[in-house]
Amino acid sequence: MSEYTLYAAPNTYALSSHSILEEVKADYKVHWVEIFTDHPEPNFKSISPHVRSPALMTPNGGIFETGAIAMYLGEQFPEFDLIIKPEDPRRGAFLQWFYYLGTTLQPDVMIQFHPEFYIQKNCNPSSLLKASSSRLTKVFEILDNVLQKGPFFFGQQLTIIDFLLAMQTTWPEIFPNGIKQYRNLYKHMRVITERSTVQKILNSHKIRE
């Protein structure tokens, strides 16, 4: 019996959690789920009250929210050094970018895919999408700048925030003019997605879309 069960919908934010599980060689299995349904899988819903992907069943109970799962796994597998530890002087920067990805980048990414979540029915989403896209441009410029010394946020040290970012930048829908206009962001995404662990996950999601 697997130690962890990841409840995942293909090509969603579950990509990050799935990639980290593979990276740390966790004993896990994937339970593929359907989202945006009136009849969600009961075990999945019992962990994720909003029925959002991903959710993770652990030996200590269920966890939802992408960032929480990433942080939990990073702490459970310290030998892989995917967390900047509290005693490290870089800890503040690590927390800063961790929360930036979840509270500044992710909301506008979500709008690009599901503007209907944020407007009333029968409203035209074009103005919302335009404003959100403009905000994303600024966010991408900031991230491109911080990755100058890359390839990762902390130079040569791979951390959970690299997975949290790169799995979002695999989505071309959020780059109307293509990701290559952001040289460092593009390099970061390419370096992460060329890892054998990530390649395996991307392929497994692709065949289930």
C-alpha atoms as a PDB file:
ATOM      1  CA  MET A   1       0.000   0.000   0.000  1.00  0.00           C
ATOM      2  CA  SER A   2       1.369   3.410  -1.014  1.00  0.00           C
ATOM      3  CA  GLU A   3       2.282   5.894   1.701  1.00  0.00           C
ATOM      4  CA  TYR A   4       0.802   8.853  -0.225  1.00  0.00           C
ATOM      5  CA  THR A   5      -2.188   9.200  -2.538  1.00  0.00           C
ATOM      6  CA  LEU A   6      -2.314  12.189  -4.867  1.00  0.00           C
ATOM      7  CA  TYR A   7      -5.758  13.164  -6.111  1.00  0.00           C
ATOM      8  CA  ALA A   8      -5.045  14.828  -9.429  1.00  0.00           C
ATOM      9  CA  ALA A   9      -6.843  16.145 -12.478  1.00  0.00           C
ATOM     10  CA  PRO A  10      -4.701  16.210 -15.631  1.00  0.00           C
ATOM     11  CA  ASN A  11      -2.744  19.363 -16.471  1.00  0.00           C
ATOM     12  CA  THR A  12      -3.860  21.297 -13.400  1.00  0.00           C
ATOM     13  CA  TYR A  13      -1.934  22.621 -10.426  1.00  0.00           C
ATOM     14  CA  ALA A  14      -1.492  18.965  -9.497  1.00  0.00           C
ATOM     15  CA  LEU A  15       1.498  19.016 -11.858  1.00  0.00           C
ATOM     16  CA  SER A  16       3.608  20.689  -9.168  1.00  0.00           C
ATOM     17  CA  SER A  17       2.709  18.279  -6.377  1.00  0.00           C
ATOM     18  CA  HIS A  18       3.063  15.302  -8.706  1.00  0.00           C
ATOM     19  CA  SER A  19       6.514  16.435  -9.857  1.00  0.00           C
ATOM     20  CA  ILE A  20       7.729  16.955  -6.295  1.00  0.00           C
ATOM     21  CA  LEU A  21       6.484  13.513  -5.241  1.00  0.00           C
ATOM     22  CA  GLU A  22       8.445  12.019  -8.111  1.00  0.00           C
ATOM     23  CA  GLU A  23      11.516  14.154  -7.396  1.00  0.00           C
ATOM     24  CA  VAL A  24      11.744  12.999  -3.761  1.00  0.00           C
ATOM     25  CA  LYS A  25      11.117   9.377  -4.729  1.00  0.00           C
ATOM     26  CA  ALA A  26       8.060   9.171  -2.487  1.00  0.00           C
ATOM     27  CA  ASP A  27       6.053   5.978  -2.218  1.00  0.00           C
ATOM     28  CA  TYR A  28       2.881   7.262  -3.835  1.00  0.00           C
ATOM     29  CA  LYS A  29       0.047   6.490  -6.172  1.00  0.00           C
ATOM     30  CA  VAL A  30      -2.129   8.790  -8.259  1.00  0.00           C
ATOM     31  CA  HIS A  31      -5.900   8.746  -8.143  1.00  0.00           C
ATOM     32  CA  TRP A  32      -7.092  10.617 -11.220  1.00  0.00           C
ATOM     33  CA  VAL A  33     -10.186  12.686 -10.558  1.00  0.00           C
ATOM     34  CA  GLU A  34     -12.667  14.803 -12.446  1.00  0.00           C
ATOM     35  CA  ILE A  35     -13.197  18.405 -11.401  1.00  0.00           C
ATOM     36  CA  PHE A  36     -16.083  20.773 -12.240  1.00  0.00           C
ATOM     37  CA  THR A  37     -18.555  17.967 -11.766  1.00  0.00           C
ATOM     38  CA  ASP A  38     -21.733  17.710  -9.715  1.00  0.00           C
ATOM     39  CA  HIS A  39     -20.635  14.301  -8.466  1.00  0.00           C
ATOM     40  CA  PRO A  40     -17.025  14.566  -7.242  1.00  0.00           C
ATOM     41  CA  GLU A  41     -15.180  11.527  -5.984  1.00  0.00           C
ATOM     42  CA  PRO A  42     -16.110  11.278  -2.251  1.00  0.00           C
ATOM     43  CA  ASN A  43     -12.601  10.667  -0.892  1.00  0.00           C
ATOM     44  CA  PHE A  44     -11.267  13.557  -2.944  1.00  0.00           C
ATOM     45  CA  LYS A  45     -13.993  15.885  -1.672  1.00  0.00           C
ATOM     46  CA  SER A  46     -13.374  14.809   1.915  1.00  0.00           C
ATOM     47  CA  ILE A  47      -9.831  16.214   1.605  1.00  0.00           C
ATOM     48  CA  SER A  48     -10.418  19.159  -0.731  1.00  0.00           C
ATOM     49  CA  PRO A  49     -13.653  20.965   0.263  1.00  0.00           C
ATOM     50  CA  HIS A  50     -13.636  23.112  -2.892  1.00  0.00           C
ATOM     51  CA  VAL A  51     -12.966  19.978  -4.971  1.00  0.00           C
ATOM     52  CA  ARG A  52      -9.849  21.507  -6.482  1.00  0.00           C
ATOM     53  CA  SER A  53      -6.852  19.599  -7.742  1.00  0.00           C
ATOM     54  CA  PRO A  54      -4.493  18.637  -6.149  1.00  0.00           C
ATOM     55  CA  ALA A  55      -5.229  16.995  -2.819  1.00  0.00           C
ATOM     56  CA  LEU A  56      -2.875  14.668  -0.999  1.00  0.00           C
ATOM     57  CA  MET A  57      -3.592  11.920   1.485  1.00  0.00           C
ATOM     58  CA  THR A  58      -0.585  11.508   3.765  1.00  0.00           C
ATOM     59  CA  PRO A  59       0.214   9.324   6.781  1.00  0.00           C
ATOM     60  CA  ASN A  60      -0.808  12.370   8.840  1.00  0.00           C
ATOM     61  CA  GLY A  61      -4.120  12.990   7.087  1.00  0.00           C
ATOM     62  CA  GLY A  62      -5.290  14.876   4.029  1.00  0.00           C
ATOM     63  CA  ILE A  63      -3.916  18.165   2.695  1.00  0.00           C
ATOM     64  CA  PHE A  64      -5.250  20.477   0.004  1.00  0.00           C
ATOM     65  CA  GLU A  65      -3.757  23.626  -1.585  1.00  0.00           C
ATOM     66  CA  THR A  66      -0.790  23.334  -3.933  1.00  0.00           C
ATOM     67  CA  GLY A  67       1.590  25.407  -1.836  1.00  0.00           C
ATOM     68  CA  ALA A  68       0.755  23.578   1.382  1.00  0.00           C
ATOM     69  CA  ILE A  69       1.394  20.211  -0.274  1.00  0.00           C
ATOM     70  CA  ALA A  70       4.694  21.424  -1.715  1.00  0.00           C
ATOM     71  CA  MET A  71       5.897  22.765   1.636  1.00  0.00           C
ATOM     72  CA  TYR A  72       4.801  19.605   3.444  1.00  0.00           C
ATOM     73  CA  LEU A  73       6.674  17.347   1.039  1.00  0.00           C
ATOM     74  CA  GLY A  74       9.770  19.518   1.148  1.00  0.00           C
ATOM     75  CA  GLU A  75       9.817  19.224   4.929  1.00  0.00           C
ATOM     76  CA  GLN A  76       9.058  15.490   4.937  1.00  0.00           C
ATOM     77  CA  PHE A  77      11.996  14.765   2.633  1.00  0.00           C
ATOM     78  CA  PRO A  78      14.771  17.048   3.936  1.00  0.00           C
ATOM     79  CA  GLU A  79      17.501  14.969   2.306  1.00  0.00           C
ATOM     80  CA  PHE A  80      16.515  16.442  -1.075  1.00  0.00           C
ATOM     81  CA  ASP A  81      17.165  20.006   0.152  1.00  0.00           C
ATOM     82  CA  LEU A  82      14.085  21.485  -1.530  1.00  0.00           C
ATOM     83  CA  ILE A  83      13.376  23.904   1.339  1.00  0.00           C
ATOM     84  CA  ILE A  84      15.427  26.898   2.462  1.00  0.00           C
ATOM     85  CA  LYS A  85      15.619  26.167   6.174  1.00  0.00           C
ATOM     86  CA  PRO A  86      14.625  28.667   8.925  1.00  0.00           C
ATOM     87  CA  GLU A  87      18.234  29.193  10.047  1.00  0.00           C
ATOM     88  CA  ASP A  88      19.364  30.022   6.499  1.00  0.00           C
ATOM     89  CA  PRO A  89      19.700  33.799   5.826  1.00  0.00           C
ATOM     90  CA  ARG A  90      17.875  33.216   2.530  1.00  0.00           C
ATOM     91  CA  ARG A  91      14.755  32.017   4.357  1.00  0.00           C
ATOM     92  CA  GLY A  92      12.997  35.379   4.116  1.00  0.00           C
ATOM     93  CA  ALA A  93      13.470  35.509   0.349  1.00  0.00           C
ATOM     94  CA  PHE A  94      12.291  31.907   0.071  1.00  0.00           C
ATOM     95  CA  LEU A  95       9.060  32.666   1.930  1.00  0.00           C
ATOM     96  CA  GLN A  96       8.596  35.866  -0.052  1.00  0.00           C
ATOM     97  CA  TRP A  97       8.660  34.106  -3.436  1.00  0.00           C
ATOM     98  CA  PHE A  98       6.697  31.139  -2.133  1.00  0.00           C
ATOM     99  CA  TYR A  99       3.788  33.394  -1.185  1.00  0.00           C
ATOM    100  CA  TYR A 100       4.237  35.633  -4.225  1.00  0.00           C
ATOM    101  CA  LEU A 101       3.602  32.682  -6.529  1.00  0.00           C
ATOM    102  CA  GLY A 102       0.468  31.687  -4.625  1.00  0.00           C
ATOM    103  CA  THR A 103      -1.064  35.104  -3.978  1.00  0.00           C
ATOM    104  CA  THR A 104       0.116  37.276  -6.880  1.00  0.00           C
ATOM    105  CA  LEU A 105       0.836  35.001  -9.839  1.00  0.00           C
ATOM    106  CA  GLN A 106      -1.715  32.225  -9.389  1.00  0.00           C
ATOM    107  CA  PRO A 107      -4.908  34.335  -9.168  1.00  0.00           C
ATOM    108  CA  ASP A 108      -4.268  36.011 -12.516  1.00  0.00           C
ATOM    109  CA  VAL A 109      -3.292  32.694 -14.082  1.00  0.00           C
ATOM    110  CA  MET A 110      -6.628  31.293 -12.920  1.00  0.00           C
ATOM    111  CA  ILE A 111      -8.488  34.193 -14.516  1.00  0.00           C
ATOM    112  CA  GLN A 112      -6.981  33.360 -17.902  1.00  0.00           C
ATOM    113  CA  PHE A 113      -8.562  29.916 -17.772  1.00  0.00           C
ATOM    114  CA  HIS A 114     -11.737  30.578 -15.819  1.00  0.00           C
ATOM    115  CA  PRO A 115     -12.877  34.222 -15.952  1.00  0.00           C
ATOM    116  CA  GLU A 116     -16.405  32.963 -15.260  1.00  0.00           C
ATOM    117  CA  PHE A 117     -15.373  32.375 -11.646  1.00  0.00           C
ATOM    118  CA  TYR A 118     -14.969  36.121 -11.143  1.00  0.00           C
ATOM    119  CA  ILE A 119     -17.871  37.712 -13.025  1.00  0.00           C
ATOM    120  CA  GLN A 120     -21.633  37.432 -13.063  1.00  0.00           C
ATOM    121  CA  LYS A 121     -23.342  35.291 -15.648  1.00  0.00           C
ATOM    122  CA  ASN A 122     -23.933  36.899 -19.056  1.00  0.00           C
ATOM    123  CA  CYS A 123     -21.110  39.408 -18.471  1.00  0.00           C
ATOM    124  CA  ASN A 124     -18.457  39.824 -21.148  1.00  0.00           C
ATOM    125  CA  PRO A 125     -15.109  38.630 -19.720  1.00  0.00           C
ATOM    126  CA  SER A 126     -12.951  40.526 -22.241  1.00  0.00           C
ATOM    127  CA  SER A 127     -12.186  43.531 -19.994  1.00  0.00           C
ATOM    128  CA  LEU A 128     -11.346  41.271 -17.049  1.00  0.00           C
ATOM    129  CA  LEU A 129      -9.054  39.138 -19.212  1.00  0.00           C
ATOM    130  CA  LYS A 130      -7.324  42.220 -20.584  1.00  0.00           C
ATOM    131  CA  ALA A 131      -6.710  43.701 -17.133  1.00  0.00           C
ATOM    132  CA  SER A 132      -5.533  40.374 -15.756  1.00  0.00           C
ATOM    133  CA  SER A 133      -3.189  39.828 -18.704  1.00  0.00           C
ATOM    134  CA  SER A 134      -1.692  43.265 -18.099  1.00  0.00           C
ATOM    135  CA  ARG A 135      -1.059  42.351 -14.457  1.00  0.00           C
ATOM    136  CA  LEU A 136       0.545  39.081 -15.532  1.00  0.00           C
ATOM    137  CA  THR A 137       2.941  40.932 -17.801  1.00  0.00           C
ATOM    138  CA  LYS A 138       4.266  42.880 -14.805  1.00  0.00           C
ATOM    139  CA  VAL A 139       4.508  39.708 -12.700  1.00  0.00           C
ATOM    140  CA  PHE A 140       6.434  37.919 -15.438  1.00  0.00           C
ATOM    141  CA  GLU A 141       8.831  40.850 -15.740  1.00  0.00           C
ATOM    142  CA  ILE A 142       9.529  40.682 -11.996  1.00  0.00           C
ATOM    143  CA  LEU A 143      10.060  36.915 -12.074  1.00  0.00           C
ATOM    144  CA  ASP A 144      12.251  37.164 -15.151  1.00  0.00           C
ATOM    145  CA  ASN A 145      14.432  39.662 -13.311  1.00  0.00           C
ATOM    146  CA  VAL A 146      14.786  37.580 -10.132  1.00  0.00           C
ATOM    147  CA  LEU A 147      15.854  34.576 -12.217  1.00  0.00           C
ATOM    148  CA  GLN A 148      18.777  36.410 -13.825  1.00  0.00           C
ATOM    149  CA  LYS A 149      21.329  34.488 -11.769  1.00  0.00           C
ATOM    150  CA  GLY A 150      19.400  31.212 -12.263  1.00  0.00           C
ATOM    151  CA  PRO A 151      18.750  28.754 -13.461  1.00  0.00           C
ATOM    152  CA  PHE A 152      16.700  28.506 -10.239  1.00  0.00           C
ATOM    153  CA  PHE A 153      15.432  31.075  -7.727  1.00  0.00           C
ATOM    154  CA  PHE A 154      18.445  30.311  -5.555  1.00  0.00           C
ATOM    155  CA  GLY A 155      21.091  29.837  -8.188  1.00  0.00           C
ATOM    156  CA  GLN A 156      22.008  26.177  -8.499  1.00  0.00           C
ATOM    157  CA  GLN A 157      19.778  25.008  -5.623  1.00  0.00           C
ATOM    158  CA  LEU A 158      16.493  23.541  -6.775  1.00  0.00           C
ATOM    159  CA  THR A 159      13.604  24.212  -4.363  1.00  0.00           C
ATOM    160  CA  ILE A 160       9.878  23.650  -4.240  1.00  0.00           C
ATOM    161  CA  ILE A 161       9.211  27.154  -5.545  1.00  0.00           C
ATOM    162  CA  ASP A 162      10.920  26.242  -8.806  1.00  0.00           C
ATOM    163  CA  PHE A 163       8.359  23.477  -9.300  1.00  0.00           C
ATOM    164  CA  LEU A 164       5.522  25.793  -8.276  1.00  0.00           C
ATOM    165  CA  LEU A 165       6.541  28.320 -10.918  1.00  0.00           C
ATOM    166  CA  ALA A 166       7.659  26.088 -13.781  1.00  0.00           C
ATOM    167  CA  MET A 167       4.550  23.952 -13.866  1.00  0.00           C
ATOM    168  CA  GLN A 168       2.490  27.104 -14.452  1.00  0.00           C
ATOM    169  CA  THR A 169       4.798  28.425 -17.151  1.00  0.00           C
ATOM    170  CA  THR A 170       4.248  25.249 -19.181  1.00  0.00           C
ATOM    171  CA  TRP A 171       0.798  26.660 -20.013  1.00  0.00           C
ATOM    172  CA  PRO A 172       1.066  28.683 -23.259  1.00  0.00           C
ATOM    173  CA  GLU A 173      -2.364  30.216 -22.650  1.00  0.00           C
ATOM    174  CA  ILE A 174      -0.879  32.633 -20.118  1.00  0.00           C
ATOM    175  CA  PHE A 175       1.678  33.994 -22.597  1.00  0.00           C
ATOM    176  CA  PRO A 176      -0.212  35.672 -25.481  1.00  0.00           C
ATOM    177  CA  ASN A 177       3.098  36.555 -27.163  1.00  0.00           C
ATOM    178  CA  GLY A 178       4.969  33.431 -26.109  1.00  0.00           C
ATOM    179  CA  ILE A 179       7.190  32.749 -23.113  1.00  0.00           C
ATOM    180  CA  LYS A 180      10.418  33.315 -25.058  1.00  0.00           C
ATOM    181  CA  GLN A 181      10.078  37.067 -24.625  1.00  0.00           C
ATOM    182  CA  TYR A 182      11.092  36.423 -21.000  1.00  0.00           C
ATOM    183  CA  ARG A 183      14.548  34.946 -21.486  1.00  0.00           C
ATOM    184  CA  ASN A 184      15.227  33.871 -17.888  1.00  0.00           C
ATOM    185  CA  LEU A 185      11.699  32.635 -17.275  1.00  0.00           C
ATOM    186  CA  TYR A 186      11.891  30.554 -20.439  1.00  0.00           C
ATOM    187  CA  LYS A 187      15.258  29.101 -19.425  1.00  0.00           C
ATOM    188  CA  HIS A 188      13.902  28.274 -15.971  1.00  0.00           C
ATOM    189  CA  MET A 189      10.890  26.449 -17.402  1.00  0.00           C
ATOM    190  CA  ARG A 190      13.056  24.561 -19.881  1.00  0.00           C
ATOM    191  CA  VAL A 191      15.600  23.446 -17.260  1.00  0.00           C
ATOM    192  CA  ILE A 192      12.846  22.164 -14.954  1.00  0.00           C
ATOM    193  CA  THR A 193      10.858  20.404 -17.663  1.00  0.00           C
ATOM    194  CA  GLU A 194      13.945  18.686 -19.043  1.00  0.00           C
ATOM    195  CA  ARG A 195      14.415  16.811 -15.769  1.00  0.00           C
ATOM    196  CA  SER A 196      13.587  13.135 -16.207  1.00  0.00           C
ATOM    197  CA  THR A 197      11.277  13.196 -13.185  1.00  0.00           C
ATOM    198  CA  VAL A 198       9.273  16.092 -14.617  1.00  0.00           C
ATOM    199  CA  GLN A 199       9.211  14.624 -18.124  1.00  0.00           C
ATOM    200  CA  LYS A 200       7.603  11.508 -16.686  1.00  0.00           C
ATOM    201  CA  ILE A 201       4.899  13.553 -14.962  1.00  0.00           C
ATOM    202  CA  LEU A 202       4.171  15.799 -17.938  1.00  0.00           C
ATOM    203  CA  ASN A 203       3.729  12.752 -20.163  1.00  0.00           C
ATOM    204  CA  SER A 204       1.431  11.031 -17.682  1.00  0.00           C
ATOM    205  CA  HIS A 205      -0.812  14.097 -17.549  1.00  0.00           C
ATOM    206  CA  LYS A 206      -0.788  14.613 -21.307  1.00  0.00           C
ATOM    207  CA  ILE A 207      -2.101  11.154 -22.094  1.00  0.00           C
ATOM    208  CA  ARG A 208      -5.039  11.693 -19.700  1.00  0.00           C
ATOM    209  CA  GLU A 209      -6.214  15.063 -20.995  1.00  0.00           C
END
